[in-house]
C-alpha atoms as a PDB file:
ATOM      1  CA  MET A   1      -2.637  20.472   2.064  1.00  0.00           C
ATOM      2  CA  GLU A   2      -2.875  18.111  -0.378  1.00  0.00           C
ATOM      3  CA  ARG A   3      -3.127  14.122  -0.549  1.00  0.00           C
ATOM      4  CA  THR A   4      -2.811  11.933  -3.123  1.00  0.00           C
ATOM      5  CA  ALA A   5      -3.245   8.170  -2.954  1.00  0.00           C
ATOM      6  CA  VAL A   6      -0.923   5.770  -4.135  1.00  0.00           C
ATOM      7  CA  ASN A   7      -2.270   2.641  -5.707  1.00  0.00           C
ATOM      8  CA  PRO A   8      -0.044   0.480  -8.765  1.00  0.00           C
ATOM      9  CA  VAL A   9      -2.530  -1.344  -8.162  1.00  0.00           C
ATOM     10  CA  PRO A  10      -6.282  -1.534  -7.767  1.00  0.00           C
ATOM     11  CA  TRP A  11      -7.119  -4.449  -5.012  1.00  0.00           C
ATOM     12  CA  SER A  12      -5.158  -2.450  -2.481  1.00  0.00           C
ATOM     13  CA  VAL A  13      -8.181   0.053  -2.737  1.00  0.00           C
ATOM     14  CA  GLU A  14     -11.187  -2.987  -2.464  1.00  0.00           C
ATOM     15  CA  LEU A  15      -9.492  -4.418   0.416  1.00  0.00           C
ATOM     16  CA  GLY A  16      -9.751  -0.630   1.888  1.00  0.00           C
ATOM     17  CA  PHE A  17      -6.894   0.933   2.258  1.00  0.00           C
ATOM     18  CA  ASN A  18      -4.361   2.933  -0.047  1.00  0.00           C
ATOM     19  CA  GLN A  19      -0.859   1.478  -0.742  1.00  0.00           C
ATOM     20  CA  GLY A  20       1.130   5.078  -0.365  1.00  0.00           C
ATOM     21  CA  GLU A  21      -0.056   9.470   0.368  1.00  0.00           C
ATOM     22  CA  LEU A  22       2.170  11.506  -0.868  1.00  0.00           C
ATOM     23  CA  VAL A  23       0.895  14.765   1.161  1.00  0.00           C
ATOM     24  CA  SER A  24       2.368  18.013  -0.133  1.00  0.00           C
ATOM     25  CA  GLY A  25       2.246  21.650   1.308  1.00  0.00           C
ATOM     26  CA  HIS A  26       5.066  23.596   2.425  1.00  0.00           C
ATOM     27  CA  THR A  27       7.238  19.839   1.657  1.00  0.00           C
ATOM     28  CA  ARG A  28       6.595  17.011   0.247  1.00  0.00           C
ATOM     29  CA  THR A  29       6.186  13.324   2.719  1.00  0.00           C
ATOM     30  CA  LEU A  30       5.272   9.849   0.516  1.00  0.00           C
ATOM     31  CA  TYR A  31       3.835   7.570   3.761  1.00  0.00           C
ATOM     32  CA  CYS A  32       3.290   4.300   2.753  1.00  0.00           C
ATOM     33  CA  SER A  33       1.496   1.848   4.387  1.00  0.00           C
ATOM     34  CA  GLY A  34       3.273  -1.937   5.414  1.00  0.00           C
ATOM     35  CA  GLN A  35       1.533  -5.324   4.047  1.00  0.00           C
ATOM     36  CA  THR A  36       2.399  -9.271   3.613  1.00  0.00           C
ATOM     37  CA  ALA A  37       3.352 -10.023   0.275  1.00  0.00           C
ATOM     38  CA  MET A  38       0.886 -10.898  -2.317  1.00  0.00           C
ATOM     39  CA  SER A  39      -0.089 -12.000  -5.767  1.00  0.00           C
ATOM     40  CA  ALA A  40      -0.658  -9.833  -8.281  1.00  0.00           C
ATOM     41  CA  ASP A  41      -4.447 -10.608  -7.771  1.00  0.00           C
ATOM     42  CA  GLY A  42      -4.275  -9.120  -4.326  1.00  0.00           C
ATOM     43  CA  LYS A  43      -4.088 -12.237  -2.167  1.00  0.00           C
ATOM     44  CA  PRO A  44      -2.190 -13.331   0.428  1.00  0.00           C
ATOM     45  CA  GLN A  45       0.974 -15.170  -0.088  1.00  0.00           C
ATOM     46  CA  HIS A  46       3.285 -17.371   2.542  1.00  0.00           C
ATOM     47  CA  ASP A  47       0.174 -17.070   5.495  1.00  0.00           C
ATOM     48  CA  GLY A  48       2.441 -17.328   8.905  1.00  0.00           C
ATOM     49  CA  ASP A  49       5.613 -17.672   7.196  1.00  0.00           C
ATOM     50  CA  MET A  50       7.512 -14.000   8.197  1.00  0.00           C
ATOM     51  CA  ALA A  51      10.797 -15.157   6.342  1.00  0.00           C
ATOM     52  CA  ALA A  52       8.637 -15.953   3.451  1.00  0.00           C
ATOM     53  CA  GLN A  53       6.883 -12.802   3.276  1.00  0.00           C
END
């Protein structure tokens, strides 16, 4: 089994998580993390407003 981190932007790693993990072996599965709306530089957006997120 092989795991590959998927991080299209660098700030997620700085916050301690990968935005996705591709797990390959007999099959391939992509696991995606859930997160709040973030700006391009990794700042949370719409704090306290789930509809806007």
